[in-house]
Protein backbone atom coordinates (compact mmCIF):
# COMPACT_ATOMS: atom_id res chain seq x y z
CA MET A 1 23.55 -42.47 -18.78
CA LYS A 2 24.61 -41.88 -15.18
CA ASN A 3 25.20 -38.20 -15.93
CA ILE A 4 21.71 -37.71 -17.36
CA VAL A 5 20.08 -39.40 -14.36
CA LEU A 6 22.24 -37.33 -12.00
CA ILE A 7 21.34 -34.07 -13.78
CA LEU A 8 17.62 -34.92 -13.76
CA GLY A 9 17.82 -35.78 -10.05
CA VAL A 10 19.47 -32.44 -9.23
CA LEU A 11 16.87 -30.56 -11.29
CA LEU A 12 14.03 -32.39 -9.56
CA ILE A 13 15.42 -31.51 -6.13
CA SER A 14 15.98 -27.87 -7.09
CA PHE A 15 12.43 -27.48 -8.46
CA SER A 16 10.94 -28.88 -5.26
CA GLY A 17 12.97 -26.34 -3.31
CA PHE A 18 11.22 -23.48 -5.13
CA ALA A 19 7.83 -24.93 -4.26
CA GLN A 20 8.51 -24.39 -0.55
CA GLU A 21 8.73 -20.58 -0.70
CA GLU A 22 6.62 -18.54 1.68
CA PRO A 23 3.63 -16.80 0.15
CA LYS A 24 4.28 -13.13 -0.57
CA SER A 25 2.20 -10.46 1.11
CA VAL A 26 -0.74 -9.74 -1.16
CA LYS A 27 -2.65 -6.48 -1.33
CA GLN A 28 -6.18 -6.45 -2.61
CA SER A 29 -5.24 -3.75 -5.14
CA ASP A 30 -2.78 -6.20 -6.75
CA LEU A 31 -5.50 -8.75 -7.51
CA LYS A 32 -7.95 -8.94 -10.41
CA GLY A 33 -11.11 -10.90 -11.14
CA PRO A 34 -12.52 -13.47 -8.72
CA SER A 35 -9.46 -13.34 -6.47
CA TYR A 36 -10.13 -9.60 -5.94
CA LYS A 37 -13.77 -10.27 -5.16
CA ASN A 38 -13.04 -13.16 -2.79
CA TYR A 39 -10.12 -11.44 -0.98
CA LYS A 40 -10.07 -12.31 2.72
CA PHE A 41 -8.54 -9.33 4.50
CA TRP A 42 -8.27 -11.15 7.84
CA MET A 43 -5.95 -13.76 6.35
CA HIS A 44 -3.31 -11.18 5.38
CA LYS A 45 -1.28 -9.01 7.73
CA THR A 46 -0.93 -5.36 6.85
CA ALA A 47 1.15 -2.63 8.40
CA PRO A 48 -0.71 0.48 9.58
CA VAL A 49 -0.14 3.53 7.42
CA LYS A 50 0.31 7.00 8.90
CA ILE A 51 -1.86 9.67 7.31
CA PHE A 52 -0.88 13.32 7.49
CA SER A 53 -2.89 16.46 6.80
CA GLU A 54 -1.89 20.12 6.52
CA SER A 55 -2.80 22.18 9.54
CA ASN A 56 -2.82 25.64 7.92
CA LYS A 57 -4.13 25.11 4.40
CA LYS A 58 -5.33 28.22 2.55
CA SER A 59 -8.86 28.07 1.22
CA LEU A 60 -8.70 29.56 -2.24
CA GLN A 61 -11.46 29.96 -4.81
CA GLY A 62 -11.68 30.71 -8.50
CA PRO A 63 -8.57 31.43 -10.59
CA ALA A 64 -6.33 31.59 -7.51
CA PHE A 65 -7.18 27.95 -6.68
CA LYS A 66 -6.74 26.89 -10.30
CA ASN A 67 -3.36 28.59 -10.71
CA GLU A 68 -1.86 27.56 -7.35
CA GLN A 69 1.39 25.64 -7.75
CA PRO A 70 2.05 22.51 -5.66
CA VAL A 71 4.50 23.22 -2.87
CA ASN A 72 6.41 20.85 -0.60
CA THR A 73 4.96 21.54 2.83
CA PRO A 74 7.39 21.54 5.76
CA LYS A 75 7.00 18.78 8.32
CA GLU A 76 6.04 21.17 11.11
CA ASP A 77 2.84 22.08 9.21
CA LEU A 78 1.73 18.43 8.96
CA VAL A 79 -0.58 16.88 11.53
CA GLU A 80 -1.04 13.11 11.93
CA VAL A 81 -4.65 12.01 11.47
CA LYS A 82 -5.86 9.47 14.05
CA ILE A 83 -8.54 7.08 12.88
CA GLY A 84 -10.26 4.68 15.20
CA GLY A 85 -10.25 4.29 18.93
CA SER A 86 -14.04 4.47 19.13
CA GLU A 87 -16.01 2.28 21.50
CA ARG A 88 -17.87 0.69 18.57
CA GLN A 89 -14.69 -0.92 17.25
CA LYS A 90 -14.40 -2.91 20.48
CA LEU A 91 -17.87 -4.43 20.08
CA THR A 92 -18.66 -7.66 18.24
CA GLY A 93 -21.79 -9.55 17.24
CA PRO A 94 -25.26 -8.17 17.97
CA ALA A 95 -23.87 -5.40 20.17
CA TYR A 96 -21.94 -4.04 17.16
CA LYS A 97 -24.92 -4.40 14.86
CA ASN A 98 -27.35 -2.69 17.23
CA HIS A 99 -25.02 0.13 18.24
CA GLY A 100 -26.44 3.54 17.39
CA PRO A 101 -26.09 7.22 18.29
CA TRP A 102 -28.54 6.68 21.17
CA SER A 103 -26.23 4.10 22.81
CA LYS A 104 -24.66 5.08 26.11
CA LYS A 105 -20.97 5.93 26.17
CA GLY A 106 -19.73 4.11 29.16
């Protein structure tokens, strides 16, 4: 009888230990249904992703474009794309809402 109570006590303690795990980082693309719809992006931390683009891409048309084989581009031909840094991103509230192309830059 003591052994059964001891085993149940150890199991109870071990199960409560699993309940204390930190929540995993969740991406919106991993969710489905109402949790996808109600995703709060400000409650989750994300790491910025670097985006690269080719600097000297050939513009092909017709059969040449269709038959072109994918090639691994060397790193010296890649250019990092910078997104953001505009003055509008610094604004909040009505100033953000009412910002337009006529607004002064300064």
